[in-house]
Amino acid sequence: WGVDPLHRHPSIGFDNRAATYQAARHLIGLGH
């Protein structure tokens, strides 16, 4: 559910920050 940015620990996942960043950019683009 996340990827270690420093590559200290084996990991499989996605960028959780990017998920809400995309949603927020969409809302801001609508004028919110």
All heavy atoms as atom14 arrays in JSON, in Angstrom:
{
  "sequence": "WGVDPLHRHPSIGFDNRAATYQAARHLIGLGH",
  "atom14_mask": [
    [1, 1, 1, 1, 1, 1, 1, 1, 1, 1, 1, 1, 1, 1],
    [1, 1, 1, 1, 0, 0, 0, 0, 0, 0, 0, 0, 0, 0],
    [1, 1, 1, 1, 1, 1, 1, 0, 0, 0, 0, 0, 0, 0],
    [1, 1, 1, 1, 1, 1, 1, 1, 0, 0, 0, 0, 0, 0],
    [1, 1, 1, 1, 1, 1, 1, 0, 0, 0, 0, 0, 0, 0],
    [1, 1, 1, 1, 1, 1, 1, 1, 0, 0, 0, 0, 0, 0],
    [1, 1, 1, 1, 1, 1, 1, 1, 1, 1, 0, 0, 0, 0],
    [1, 1, 1, 1, 1, 1, 1, 1, 1, 1, 1, 0, 0, 0],
    [1, 1, 1, 1, 1, 1, 1, 1, 1, 1, 0, 0, 0, 0],
    [1, 1, 1, 1, 1, 1, 1, 0, 0, 0, 0, 0, 0, 0],
    [1, 1, 1, 1, 1, 1, 0, 0, 0, 0, 0, 0, 0, 0],
    [1, 1, 1, 1, 1, 1, 1, 1, 0, 0, 0, 0, 0, 0],
    [1, 1, 1, 1, 0, 0, 0, 0, 0, 0, 0, 0, 0, 0],
    [1, 1, 1, 1, 1, 1, 1, 1, 1, 1, 1, 0, 0, 0],
    [1, 1, 1, 1, 1, 1, 1, 1, 0, 0, 0, 0, 0, 0],
    [1, 1, 1, 1, 1, 1, 1, 1, 0, 0, 0, 0, 0, 0],
    [1, 1, 1, 1, 1, 1, 1, 1, 1, 1, 1, 0, 0, 0],
    [1, 1, 1, 1, 1, 0, 0, 0, 0, 0, 0, 0, 0, 0],
    [1, 1, 1, 1, 1, 0, 0, 0, 0, 0, 0, 0, 0, 0],
    [1, 1, 1, 1, 1, 1, 1, 0, 0, 0, 0, 0, 0, 0],
    [1, 1, 1, 1, 1, 1, 1, 1, 1, 1, 1, 1, 0, 0],
    [1, 1, 1, 1, 1, 1, 1, 1, 1, 0, 0, 0, 0, 0],
    [1, 1, 1, 1, 1, 0, 0, 0, 0, 0, 0, 0, 0, 0],
    [1, 1, 1, 1, 1, 0, 0, 0, 0, 0, 0, 0, 0, 0],
    [1, 1, 1, 1, 1, 1, 1, 1, 1, 1, 1, 0, 0, 0],
    [1, 1, 1, 1, 1, 1, 1, 1, 1, 1, 0, 0, 0, 0],
    [1, 1, 1, 1, 1, 1, 1, 1, 0, 0, 0, 0, 0, 0],
    [1, 1, 1, 1, 1, 1, 1, 1, 0, 0, 0, 0, 0, 0],
    [1, 1, 1, 1, 0, 0, 0, 0, 0, 0, 0, 0, 0, 0],
    [1, 1, 1, 1, 1, 1, 1, 1, 0, 0, 0, 0, 0, 0],
    [1, 1, 1, 1, 0, 0, 0, 0, 0, 0, 0, 0, 0, 0],
    [1, 1, 1, 1, 1, 1, 1, 1, 1, 1, 0, 0, 0, 0]
  ],
  "atom14_positions": [
    [[0.82, -1.22, 0.0], [0.0, 0.0, 0.0], [0.86, 1.27, 0.0], [0.36, 2.36, 0.24], [-0.98, 0.03, 1.18], [-2.16, -0.88, 0.99], [-2.12, -2.25, 0.98], [-3.51, -0.5, 0.76], [-3.38, -2.75, 0.77], [-4.26, -1.7, 0.64], [-4.17, 0.72, 0.68], [-5.64, -1.7, 0.41], [-5.54, 0.71, 0.46], [-6.26, -0.48, 0.32]],
    [[2.13, 1.14, -0.24], [3.01, 2.3, -0.34], [4.38, 1.81, -0.8], [4.67, 0.61, -0.73], [0.0, 0.0, 0.0], [0.0, 0.0, 0.0], [0.0, 0.0, 0.0], [0.0, 0.0, 0.0], [0.0, 0.0, 0.0], [0.0, 0.0, 0.0], [0.0, 0.0, 0.0], [0.0, 0.0, 0.0], [0.0, 0.0, 0.0], [0.0, 0.0, 0.0]],
    [[5.2, 2.72, -1.29], [6.55, 2.37, -1.72], [7.54, 3.2, -0.93], [7.45, 4.43, -0.89], [6.74, 2.6, -3.24], [8.17, 2.24, -3.64], [5.74, 1.76, -4.03], [0.0, 0.0, 0.0], [0.0, 0.0, 0.0], [0.0, 0.0, 0.0], [0.0, 0.0, 0.0], [0.0, 0.0, 0.0], [0.0, 0.0, 0.0], [0.0, 0.0, 0.0]],
    [[8.48, 2.54, -0.27], [9.47, 3.21, 0.56], [10.31, 4.15, -0.31], [11.05, 3.7, -1.19], [10.36, 2.16, 1.23], [11.43, 2.79, 2.12], [11.4, 4.01, 2.32], [12.29, 2.03, 2.62], [0.0, 0.0, 0.0], [0.0, 0.0, 0.0], [0.0, 0.0, 0.0], [0.0, 0.0, 0.0], [0.0, 0.0, 0.0], [0.0, 0.0, 0.0]],
    [[10.22, 5.46, -0.1], [10.94, 6.41, -0.97], [12.45, 6.29, -0.85], [13.19, 6.65, -1.78], [10.45, 7.78, -0.5], [9.99, 7.56, 0.91], [9.45, 6.16, 0.94], [0.0, 0.0, 0.0], [0.0, 0.0, 0.0], [0.0, 0.0, 0.0], [0.0, 0.0, 0.0], [0.0, 0.0, 0.0], [0.0, 0.0, 0.0], [0.0, 0.0, 0.0]],
    [[12.95, 5.79, 0.28], [14.39, 5.64, 0.47], [14.89, 4.24, 0.1], [16.07, 3.95, 0.24], [14.74, 5.94, 1.94], [14.38, 7.35, 2.43], [14.78, 7.52, 3.9], [15.05, 8.41, 1.57], [0.0, 0.0, 0.0], [0.0, 0.0, 0.0], [0.0, 0.0, 0.0], [0.0, 0.0, 0.0], [0.0, 0.0, 0.0], [0.0, 0.0, 0.0]],
    [[13.99, 3.39, -0.34], [14.35, 2.02, -0.75], [15.09, 1.25, 0.36], [16.0, 0.48, 0.08], [15.18, 2.04, -2.04], [14.32, 2.26, -3.26], [14.74, 1.94, -4.53], [13.07, 2.76, -3.41], [13.79, 2.24, -5.4], [12.76, 2.74, -4.72], [0.0, 0.0, 0.0], [0.0, 0.0, 0.0], [0.0, 0.0, 0.0], [0.0, 0.0, 0.0]],
    [[14.65, 1.45, 1.6], [15.23, 0.69, 2.71], [14.55, -0.66, 2.87], [15.16, -1.64, 3.28], [15.08, 1.48, 4.01], [15.81, 2.8, 4.05], [15.24, 3.68, 5.15], [13.81, 3.93, 4.94], [13.05, 4.66, 5.73], [13.58, 5.2, 6.82], [11.77, 4.87, 5.46], [0.0, 0.0, 0.0], [0.0, 0.0, 0.0], [0.0, 0.0, 0.0]],
    [[13.25, -0.71, 2.56], [12.46, -1.91, 2.81], [11.71, -2.31, 1.54], [11.09, -1.45, 0.9], [11.45, -1.66, 3.94], [12.07, -1.11, 5.19], [12.88, -1.86, 6.0], [11.99, 0.12, 5.76], [13.28, -1.13, 7.04], [12.76, 0.08, 6.9], [0.0, 0.0, 0.0], [0.0, 0.0, 0.0], [0.0, 0.0, 0.0], [0.0, 0.0, 0.0]],
    [[11.77, -3.59, 1.14], [11.03, -4.04, -0.03], [9.56, -3.63, 0.08], [8.95, -3.78, 1.14], [11.19, -5.56, 0.01], [12.44, -5.79, 0.8], [12.48, -4.7, 1.82], [0.0, 0.0, 0.0], [0.0, 0.0, 0.0], [0.0, 0.0, 0.0], [0.0, 0.0, 0.0], [0.0, 0.0, 0.0], [0.0, 0.0, 0.0], [0.0, 0.0, 0.0]],
    [[8.99, -3.11, -1.0], [7.63, -2.58, -0.91], [6.94, -2.6, -2.26], [7.57, -2.49, -3.31], [7.65, -1.16, -0.33], [8.66, -0.36, -0.93], [0.0, 0.0, 0.0], [0.0, 0.0, 0.0], [0.0, 0.0, 0.0], [0.0, 0.0, 0.0], [0.0, 0.0, 0.0], [0.0, 0.0, 0.0], [0.0, 0.0, 0.0], [0.0, 0.0, 0.0]],
    [[5.6, -2.73, -2.18], [4.75, -2.78, -3.37], [3.54, -1.91, -3.09], [2.84, -2.12, -2.1], [4.29, -4.22, -3.68], [5.5, -5.12, -3.96], [3.32, -4.23, -4.86], [5.13, -6.59, -4.05], [0.0, 0.0, 0.0], [0.0, 0.0, 0.0], [0.0, 0.0, 0.0], [0.0, 0.0, 0.0], [0.0, 0.0, 0.0], [0.0, 0.0, 0.0]],
    [[3.28, -0.93, -3.94], [2.13, -0.09, -3.68], [1.99, 1.03, -4.67], [2.31, 0.88, -5.85], [0.0, 0.0, 0.0], [0.0, 0.0, 0.0], [0.0, 0.0, 0.0], [0.0, 0.0, 0.0], [0.0, 0.0, 0.0], [0.0, 0.0, 0.0], [0.0, 0.0, 0.0], [0.0, 0.0, 0.0], [0.0, 0.0, 0.0], [0.0, 0.0, 0.0]],
    [[1.54, 2.17, -4.19], [1.3, 3.33, -5.04], [1.52, 4.59, -4.21], [1.7, 4.53, -2.99], [-0.13, 3.29, -5.61], [-1.19, 3.21, -4.55], [-1.79, 4.36, -4.05], [-1.6, 1.98, -4.05], [-2.77, 4.29, -3.07], [-2.59, 1.9, -3.07], [-3.17, 3.06, -2.58], [0.0, 0.0, 0.0], [0.0, 0.0, 0.0], [0.0, 0.0, 0.0]],
    [[1.5, 5.72, -4.9], [1.75, 7.01, -4.25], [0.44, 7.52, -3.66], [-0.42, 8.03, -4.39], [2.31, 7.99, -5.29], [2.75, 9.31, -4.67], [2.3, 9.63, -3.55], [3.53, 10.02, -5.32], [0.0, 0.0, 0.0], [0.0, 0.0, 0.0], [0.0, 0.0, 0.0], [0.0, 0.0, 0.0], [0.0, 0.0, 0.0], [0.0, 0.0, 0.0]],
    [[0.28, 7.37, -2.35], [-0.96, 7.81, -1.7], [-1.15, 9.32, -1.8], [-2.27, 9.81, -1.89], [-0.94, 7.37, -0.24], [-1.21, 5.9, -0.07], [-2.36, 5.46, -0.04], [-0.14, 5.11, 0.03], [0.0, 0.0, 0.0], [0.0, 0.0, 0.0], [0.0, 0.0, 0.0], [0.0, 0.0, 0.0], [0.0, 0.0, 0.0], [0.0, 0.0, 0.0]],
    [[-0.04, 10.05, -1.77], [-0.12, 11.51, -1.9], [-0.68, 11.89, -3.27], [-1.5, 12.81, -3.4], [1.28, 12.11, -1.7], [1.37, 13.63, -1.71], [2.82, 14.03, -1.45], [3.02, 15.47, -1.4], [3.23, 16.24, -2.45], [3.27, 15.68, -3.67], [3.43, 17.53, -2.32], [0.0, 0.0, 0.0], [0.0, 0.0, 0.0], [0.0, 0.0, 0.0]],
    [[-0.25, 11.16, -4.31], [-0.7, 11.46, -5.67], [-2.19, 11.22, -5.84], [-2.85, 11.9, -6.65], [0.08, 10.62, -6.68], [0.0, 0.0, 0.0], [0.0, 0.0, 0.0], [0.0, 0.0, 0.0], [0.0, 0.0, 0.0], [0.0, 0.0, 0.0], [0.0, 0.0, 0.0], [0.0, 0.0, 0.0], [0.0, 0.0, 0.0], [0.0, 0.0, 0.0]],
    [[-2.74, 10.28, -5.09], [-4.16, 9.96, -5.23], [-5.03, 11.17, -4.88], [-5.88, 11.6, -5.68], [-4.52, 8.77, -4.34], [0.0, 0.0, 0.0], [0.0, 0.0, 0.0], [0.0, 0.0, 0.0], [0.0, 0.0, 0.0], [0.0, 0.0, 0.0], [0.0, 0.0, 0.0], [0.0, 0.0, 0.0], [0.0, 0.0, 0.0], [0.0, 0.0, 0.0]],
    [[-4.82, 11.75, -3.72], [-5.63, 12.9, -3.33], [-5.2, 14.17, -4.06], [-6.0, 15.08, -4.24], [-5.57, 13.12, -1.81], [-4.21, 13.02, -1.37], [-6.42, 12.09, -1.09], [0.0, 0.0, 0.0], [0.0, 0.0, 0.0], [0.0, 0.0, 0.0], [0.0, 0.0, 0.0], [0.0, 0.0, 0.0], [0.0, 0.0, 0.0], [0.0, 0.0, 0.0]],
    [[-3.95, 14.22, -4.48], [-3.49, 15.36, -5.29], [-4.3, 15.42, -6.58], [-4.76, 16.49, -7.0], [-2.0, 15.22, -5.58], [-1.44, 16.28, -6.49], [-1.05, 17.52, -5.98], [-1.3, 16.06, -7.85], [-0.54, 18.51, -6.82], [-0.78, 17.02, -8.69], [-0.41, 18.25, -8.17], [0.09, 19.22, -9.01], [0.0, 0.0, 0.0], [0.0, 0.0, 0.0]],
    [[-4.5, 14.26, -7.23], [-5.28, 14.23, -8.46], [-6.72, 14.66, -8.21], [-7.3, 15.44, -8.97], [-5.27, 12.82, -9.06], [-3.98, 12.42, -9.71], [-4.1, 11.1, -10.46], [-5.2, 10.68, -10.83], [-2.97, 10.45, -10.7], [0.0, 0.0, 0.0], [0.0, 0.0, 0.0], [0.0, 0.0, 0.0], [0.0, 0.0, 0.0], [0.0, 0.0, 0.0]],
    [[-7.3, 14.16, -7.12], [-8.69, 14.52, -6.79], [-8.81, 16.02, -6.52], [-9.75, 16.69, -7.0], [-9.16, 13.72, -5.59], [0.0, 0.0, 0.0], [0.0, 0.0, 0.0], [0.0, 0.0, 0.0], [0.0, 0.0, 0.0], [0.0, 0.0, 0.0], [0.0, 0.0, 0.0], [0.0, 0.0, 0.0], [0.0, 0.0, 0.0], [0.0, 0.0, 0.0]],
    [[-7.86, 16.56, -5.78], [-7.9, 17.98, -5.44], [-7.7, 18.86, -6.68], [-8.37, 19.89, -6.85], [-6.84, 18.3, -4.39], [0.0, 0.0, 0.0], [0.0, 0.0, 0.0], [0.0, 0.0, 0.0], [0.0, 0.0, 0.0], [0.0, 0.0, 0.0], [0.0, 0.0, 0.0], [0.0, 0.0, 0.0], [0.0, 0.0, 0.0], [0.0, 0.0, 0.0]],
    [[-6.78, 18.45, -7.55], [-6.56, 19.21, -8.79], [-7.85, 19.25, -9.62], [-8.17, 20.27, -10.23], [-5.43, 18.55, -9.59], [-4.05, 18.75, -9.0], [-3.43, 20.05, -9.4], [-3.21, 20.11, -10.86], [-2.75, 21.19, -11.49], [-2.51, 22.3, -10.8], [-2.56, 21.18, -12.78], [0.0, 0.0, 0.0], [0.0, 0.0, 0.0], [0.0, 0.0, 0.0]],
    [[-8.55, 18.15, -9.62], [-9.83, 18.09, -10.35], [-10.82, 19.09, -9.76], [-11.47, 19.85, -10.5], [-10.37, 16.67, -10.27], [-11.79, 16.52, -10.72], [-12.2, 16.76, -12.01], [-12.92, 16.15, -10.03], [-13.5, 16.55, -12.11], [-13.96, 16.18, -10.92], [0.0, 0.0, 0.0], [0.0, 0.0, 0.0], [0.0, 0.0, 0.0], [0.0, 0.0, 0.0]],
    [[-10.94, 19.12, -8.45], [-11.88, 20.04, -7.79], [-11.47, 21.49, -8.0], [-12.31, 22.36, -8.27], [-11.95, 19.72, -6.3], [-12.59, 18.38, -5.94], [-12.41, 18.09, -4.46], [-14.07, 18.36, -6.32], [0.0, 0.0, 0.0], [0.0, 0.0, 0.0], [0.0, 0.0, 0.0], [0.0, 0.0, 0.0], [0.0, 0.0, 0.0], [0.0, 0.0, 0.0]],
    [[-10.18, 21.77, -7.88], [-9.7, 23.14, -8.09], [-9.96, 23.58, -9.53], [-10.35, 24.72, -9.79], [-8.19, 23.23, -7.74], [-8.0, 23.02, -6.22], [-7.61, 24.56, -8.17], [-6.56, 22.79, -5.82], [0.0, 0.0, 0.0], [0.0, 0.0, 0.0], [0.0, 0.0, 0.0], [0.0, 0.0, 0.0], [0.0, 0.0, 0.0], [0.0, 0.0, 0.0]],
    [[-9.77, 22.64, -10.46], [-10.04, 22.95, -11.87], [-11.51, 23.28, -12.12], [-11.83, 24.04, -13.05], [0.0, 0.0, 0.0], [0.0, 0.0, 0.0], [0.0, 0.0, 0.0], [0.0, 0.0, 0.0], [0.0, 0.0, 0.0], [0.0, 0.0, 0.0], [0.0, 0.0, 0.0], [0.0, 0.0, 0.0], [0.0, 0.0, 0.0], [0.0, 0.0, 0.0]],
    [[-12.39, 22.73, -11.31], [-13.82, 23.03, -11.43], [-14.18, 24.38, -10.81], [-15.29, 24.87, -11.01], [-14.64, 21.93, -10.74], [-14.65, 20.56, -11.41], [-15.34, 19.54, -10.53], [-15.34, 20.63, -12.79], [0.0, 0.0, 0.0], [0.0, 0.0, 0.0], [0.0, 0.0, 0.0], [0.0, 0.0, 0.0], [0.0, 0.0, 0.0], [0.0, 0.0, 0.0]],
    [[-13.23, 24.96, -10.05], [-13.47, 26.26, -9.46], [-13.59, 26.28, -7.95], [-13.82, 27.34, -7.35], [0.0, 0.0, 0.0], [0.0, 0.0, 0.0], [0.0, 0.0, 0.0], [0.0, 0.0, 0.0], [0.0, 0.0, 0.0], [0.0, 0.0, 0.0], [0.0, 0.0, 0.0], [0.0, 0.0, 0.0], [0.0, 0.0, 0.0], [0.0, 0.0, 0.0]],
    [[-13.43, 25.13, -7.31], [-13.54, 25.09, -5.85], [-12.29, 25.68, -5.2], [-11.16, 25.43, -5.66], [-13.74, 23.64, -5.37], [-15.05, 23.06, -5.8], [-16.22, 23.28, -5.11], [-15.37, 22.28, -6.87], [-17.21, 22.66, -5.73], [-16.73, 22.05, -6.81], [0.0, 0.0, 0.0], [0.0, 0.0, 0.0], [0.0, 0.0, 0.0], [0.0, 0.0, 0.0]]
  ]
}
